[in-house]
Amino acid sequence: MPIKRSAEKALRQSKKRATRNEVYRAAYKQAVKDVKKAIEVGEKEVTKKISTVQKTLGKAAKKGVLSKKTAARKISRLMKKANKTLTK
């Protein structure tokens, strides 16, 4: 446990930030899972799910949960998979 008052405040802040980050992290991970499952099954409405993934990854990158380049890489790889299955 922190002894100094400033350390107590820092602990409170880090806990609050961690819970906030977990919300964004869980949201984009679930969205990515949904898209991957839709691609495997071969659903026609993959584009709507991909747009939600782009939105959630963009929010996570904006909030600092993950970097912008990581978000872009994940979106790019999902689009590549989706395009490969949609063109077949």
N, C-alpha and C. Protein backbone atom coordinates (compact mmCIF):
# COMPACT_ATOMS: atom_id res chain seq x y z
N MET A 1 0.84 -1.19 0.00
CA MET A 1 0.00 0.00 0.00
C MET A 1 0.88 1.25 0.00
N PRO A 2 0.46 2.25 -0.74
CA PRO A 2 1.23 3.49 -0.78
C PRO A 2 1.17 4.24 0.54
N ILE A 3 2.23 4.91 0.83
CA ILE A 3 2.31 5.66 2.08
C ILE A 3 2.03 7.13 1.84
N LYS A 4 2.63 7.69 0.83
CA LYS A 4 2.44 9.11 0.53
C LYS A 4 1.07 9.36 -0.09
N ARG A 5 0.59 10.56 0.10
CA ARG A 5 -0.72 10.92 -0.43
C ARG A 5 -0.73 10.94 -1.96
N SER A 6 0.35 11.40 -2.52
CA SER A 6 0.44 11.45 -3.98
C SER A 6 0.49 10.03 -4.57
N ALA A 7 1.11 9.11 -3.84
CA ALA A 7 1.16 7.72 -4.31
C ALA A 7 -0.22 7.08 -4.23
N GLU A 8 -1.00 7.44 -3.23
CA GLU A 8 -2.37 6.94 -3.12
C GLU A 8 -3.20 7.41 -4.30
N LYS A 9 -3.04 8.69 -4.65
CA LYS A 9 -3.78 9.25 -5.78
C LYS A 9 -3.35 8.57 -7.08
N ALA A 10 -2.05 8.35 -7.23
CA ALA A 10 -1.56 7.69 -8.44
C ALA A 10 -2.12 6.27 -8.56
N LEU A 11 -2.26 5.59 -7.44
CA LEU A 11 -2.83 4.25 -7.45
C LEU A 11 -4.30 4.29 -7.87
N ARG A 12 -5.05 5.26 -7.33
CA ARG A 12 -6.46 5.42 -7.72
C ARG A 12 -6.58 5.69 -9.21
N GLN A 13 -5.72 6.57 -9.71
CA GLN A 13 -5.77 6.92 -11.12
C GLN A 13 -5.44 5.71 -12.00
N SER A 14 -4.43 4.96 -11.61
CA SER A 14 -4.03 3.82 -12.43
C SER A 14 -5.11 2.74 -12.45
N LYS A 15 -5.81 2.55 -11.33
CA LYS A 15 -6.90 1.58 -11.30
C LYS A 15 -8.03 2.02 -12.21
N LYS A 16 -8.36 3.31 -12.16
CA LYS A 16 -9.44 3.83 -12.98
C LYS A 16 -9.09 3.71 -14.46
N ARG A 17 -7.86 4.03 -14.81
CA ARG A 17 -7.42 3.93 -16.20
C ARG A 17 -7.39 2.49 -16.67
N ALA A 18 -6.98 1.59 -15.79
CA ALA A 18 -6.91 0.17 -16.16
C ALA A 18 -8.29 -0.38 -16.47
N THR A 19 -9.28 -0.01 -15.67
CA THR A 19 -10.64 -0.49 -15.94
C THR A 19 -11.18 0.11 -17.23
N ARG A 20 -10.89 1.37 -17.47
CA ARG A 20 -11.34 2.02 -18.71
C ARG A 20 -10.67 1.37 -19.92
N ASN A 21 -9.37 1.11 -19.80
CA ASN A 21 -8.66 0.47 -20.90
C ASN A 21 -9.20 -0.93 -21.17
N GLU A 22 -9.57 -1.64 -20.12
CA GLU A 22 -10.08 -3.00 -20.27
C GLU A 22 -11.38 -3.02 -21.06
N VAL A 23 -12.20 -1.99 -20.88
CA VAL A 23 -13.46 -1.90 -21.63
C VAL A 23 -13.18 -1.80 -23.12
N TYR A 24 -12.28 -0.90 -23.49
CA TYR A 24 -11.94 -0.72 -24.90
C TYR A 24 -11.25 -1.96 -25.47
N ARG A 25 -10.37 -2.57 -24.68
CA ARG A 25 -9.64 -3.76 -25.13
C ARG A 25 -10.62 -4.91 -25.37
N ALA A 26 -11.54 -5.12 -24.45
CA ALA A 26 -12.51 -6.21 -24.60
C ALA A 26 -13.40 -5.96 -25.81
N ALA A 27 -13.77 -4.71 -26.04
CA ALA A 27 -14.66 -4.38 -27.16
C ALA A 27 -14.00 -4.71 -28.50
N TYR A 28 -12.75 -4.30 -28.68
CA TYR A 28 -12.14 -4.55 -29.98
C TYR A 28 -11.78 -6.02 -30.15
N LYS A 29 -11.43 -6.69 -29.07
CA LYS A 29 -11.12 -8.12 -29.20
C LYS A 29 -12.36 -8.91 -29.58
N GLN A 30 -13.50 -8.58 -28.98
CA GLN A 30 -14.74 -9.27 -29.32
C GLN A 30 -15.15 -9.00 -30.76
N ALA A 31 -14.98 -7.76 -31.19
CA ALA A 31 -15.32 -7.41 -32.57
C ALA A 31 -14.44 -8.16 -33.56
N VAL A 32 -13.16 -8.28 -33.25
CA VAL A 32 -12.24 -9.01 -34.13
C VAL A 32 -12.63 -10.49 -34.19
N LYS A 33 -12.98 -11.06 -33.05
CA LYS A 33 -13.40 -12.46 -33.02
C LYS A 33 -14.64 -12.67 -33.88
N ASP A 34 -15.60 -11.74 -33.78
CA ASP A 34 -16.82 -11.86 -34.56
C ASP A 34 -16.53 -11.84 -36.06
N VAL A 35 -15.63 -10.96 -36.47
CA VAL A 35 -15.30 -10.87 -37.89
C VAL A 35 -14.58 -12.12 -38.36
N LYS A 36 -13.65 -12.61 -37.56
CA LYS A 36 -12.93 -13.83 -37.96
C LYS A 36 -13.88 -15.01 -38.11
N LYS A 37 -14.84 -15.11 -37.18
CA LYS A 37 -15.82 -16.20 -37.25
C LYS A 37 -16.69 -16.04 -38.49
N ALA A 38 -17.10 -14.81 -38.79
CA ALA A 38 -17.93 -14.55 -39.96
C ALA A 38 -17.18 -14.88 -41.25
N ILE A 39 -15.89 -14.60 -41.27
CA ILE A 39 -15.08 -14.90 -42.45
C ILE A 39 -14.97 -16.41 -42.64
N GLU A 40 -14.76 -17.15 -41.54
CA GLU A 40 -14.65 -18.60 -41.63
C GLU A 40 -15.94 -19.23 -42.13
N VAL A 41 -17.07 -18.75 -41.59
CA VAL A 41 -18.37 -19.30 -41.98
C VAL A 41 -18.71 -18.89 -43.40
N GLY A 42 -18.30 -17.71 -43.79
CA GLY A 42 -18.57 -17.23 -45.14
C GLY A 42 -19.82 -16.37 -45.22
N GLU A 43 -20.05 -15.59 -44.19
CA GLU A 43 -21.23 -14.71 -44.18
C GLU A 43 -21.09 -13.64 -45.26
N LYS A 44 -22.23 -13.18 -45.74
CA LYS A 44 -22.23 -12.13 -46.76
C LYS A 44 -22.10 -10.74 -46.14
N GLU A 45 -22.55 -10.57 -44.91
CA GLU A 45 -22.56 -9.26 -44.25
C GLU A 45 -21.28 -9.03 -43.43
N VAL A 46 -20.15 -9.36 -43.99
CA VAL A 46 -18.88 -9.18 -43.29
C VAL A 46 -18.49 -7.71 -43.27
N THR A 47 -18.90 -6.97 -44.28
CA THR A 47 -18.48 -5.57 -44.38
C THR A 47 -18.99 -4.73 -43.22
N LYS A 48 -20.22 -5.01 -42.75
CA LYS A 48 -20.75 -4.27 -41.60
C LYS A 48 -19.94 -4.57 -40.35
N LYS A 49 -19.58 -5.83 -40.19
CA LYS A 49 -18.79 -6.21 -39.01
C LYS A 49 -17.39 -5.62 -39.08
N ILE A 50 -16.84 -5.55 -40.28
CA ILE A 50 -15.51 -4.96 -40.43
C ILE A 50 -15.55 -3.47 -40.09
N SER A 51 -16.63 -2.81 -40.44
CA SER A 51 -16.72 -1.38 -40.10
C SER A 51 -16.80 -1.18 -38.59
N THR A 52 -17.46 -2.10 -37.88
CA THR A 52 -17.48 -1.99 -36.41
C THR A 52 -16.09 -2.25 -35.83
N VAL A 53 -15.35 -3.17 -36.45
CA VAL A 53 -13.99 -3.42 -35.98
C VAL A 53 -13.12 -2.19 -36.19
N GLN A 54 -13.27 -1.55 -37.36
CA GLN A 54 -12.50 -0.34 -37.63
C GLN A 54 -12.83 0.73 -36.60
N LYS A 55 -14.09 0.85 -36.26
CA LYS A 55 -14.52 1.86 -35.30
C LYS A 55 -13.94 1.57 -33.91
N THR A 56 -14.05 0.31 -33.46
CA THR A 56 -13.57 -0.02 -32.12
C THR A 56 -12.05 0.06 -32.03
N LEU A 57 -11.37 -0.37 -33.08
CA LEU A 57 -9.90 -0.27 -33.07
C LEU A 57 -9.46 1.19 -33.12
N GLY A 58 -10.18 2.00 -33.87
CA GLY A 58 -9.87 3.43 -33.92
C GLY A 58 -10.04 4.09 -32.56
N LYS A 59 -11.12 3.73 -31.86
CA LYS A 59 -11.34 4.29 -30.53
C LYS A 59 -10.26 3.84 -29.56
N ALA A 60 -9.90 2.57 -29.63
CA ALA A 60 -8.87 2.05 -28.75
C ALA A 60 -7.53 2.74 -29.01
N ALA A 61 -7.23 2.98 -30.28
CA ALA A 61 -5.98 3.67 -30.62
C ALA A 61 -6.03 5.11 -30.16
N LYS A 62 -7.17 5.74 -30.28
CA LYS A 62 -7.31 7.13 -29.86
C LYS A 62 -7.15 7.28 -28.36
N LYS A 63 -7.66 6.31 -27.62
CA LYS A 63 -7.58 6.35 -26.16
C LYS A 63 -6.22 5.89 -25.63
N GLY A 64 -5.39 5.34 -26.49
CA GLY A 64 -4.06 4.93 -26.07
C GLY A 64 -3.98 3.50 -25.57
N VAL A 65 -5.02 2.71 -25.81
CA VAL A 65 -5.01 1.32 -25.38
C VAL A 65 -4.01 0.54 -26.22
N LEU A 66 -3.95 0.86 -27.51
CA LEU A 66 -2.95 0.30 -28.39
C LEU A 66 -2.52 1.38 -29.37
N SER A 67 -1.40 1.15 -30.02
CA SER A 67 -0.88 2.20 -30.88
C SER A 67 -1.65 2.27 -32.19
N LYS A 68 -1.54 3.39 -32.87
CA LYS A 68 -2.25 3.59 -34.13
C LYS A 68 -1.76 2.60 -35.19
N LYS A 69 -0.48 2.33 -35.18
CA LYS A 69 0.08 1.40 -36.17
C LYS A 69 -0.41 -0.02 -35.94
N THR A 70 -0.55 -0.40 -34.68
CA THR A 70 -1.07 -1.73 -34.37
C THR A 70 -2.51 -1.86 -34.84
N ALA A 71 -3.30 -0.83 -34.59
CA ALA A 71 -4.70 -0.84 -35.02
C ALA A 71 -4.77 -0.93 -36.54
N ALA A 72 -3.95 -0.16 -37.22
CA ALA A 72 -3.94 -0.18 -38.69
C ALA A 72 -3.53 -1.55 -39.21
N ARG A 73 -2.56 -2.16 -38.57
CA ARG A 73 -2.10 -3.48 -38.99
C ARG A 73 -3.20 -4.53 -38.83
N LYS A 74 -3.91 -4.48 -37.69
CA LYS A 74 -4.99 -5.43 -37.46
C LYS A 74 -6.11 -5.26 -38.48
N ILE A 75 -6.46 -4.02 -38.76
CA ILE A 75 -7.51 -3.75 -39.76
C ILE A 75 -7.06 -4.24 -41.13
N SER A 76 -5.83 -3.98 -41.47
CA SER A 76 -5.31 -4.38 -42.77
C SER A 76 -5.35 -5.89 -42.93
N ARG A 77 -4.96 -6.61 -41.92
CA ARG A 77 -4.94 -8.07 -42.01
C ARG A 77 -6.35 -8.65 -42.10
N LEU A 78 -7.28 -8.05 -41.36
CA LEU A 78 -8.66 -8.51 -41.44
C LEU A 78 -9.25 -8.25 -42.83
N MET A 79 -8.96 -7.08 -43.38
CA MET A 79 -9.46 -6.74 -44.71
C MET A 79 -8.87 -7.69 -45.76
N LYS A 80 -7.62 -8.03 -45.59
CA LYS A 80 -6.97 -8.94 -46.52
C LYS A 80 -7.65 -10.31 -46.50
N LYS A 81 -7.95 -10.81 -45.28
CA LYS A 81 -8.64 -12.09 -45.16
C LYS A 81 -10.04 -12.01 -45.75
N ALA A 82 -10.74 -10.94 -45.44
CA ALA A 82 -12.12 -10.78 -45.93
C ALA A 82 -12.16 -10.70 -47.45
N ASN A 83 -11.26 -9.93 -48.02
CA ASN A 83 -11.24 -9.80 -49.48
C ASN A 83 -10.89 -11.11 -50.17
N LYS A 84 -10.04 -11.89 -49.53
CA LYS A 84 -9.66 -13.17 -50.09
C LYS A 84 -10.87 -14.11 -50.14
N THR A 85 -11.68 -14.11 -49.08
CA THR A 85 -12.83 -15.00 -49.05
C THR A 85 -14.00 -14.46 -49.90
N LEU A 86 -14.13 -13.13 -49.97
CA LEU A 86 -15.24 -12.56 -50.73
C LEU A 86 -15.04 -12.71 -52.23
N THR A 87 -13.81 -12.73 -52.69
CA THR A 87 -13.56 -12.83 -54.12
C THR A 87 -13.71 -14.26 -54.63
N LYS A 88 -13.66 -15.23 -53.74
CA LYS A 88 -13.78 -16.64 -54.17
C LYS A 88 -15.18 -16.99 -54.58
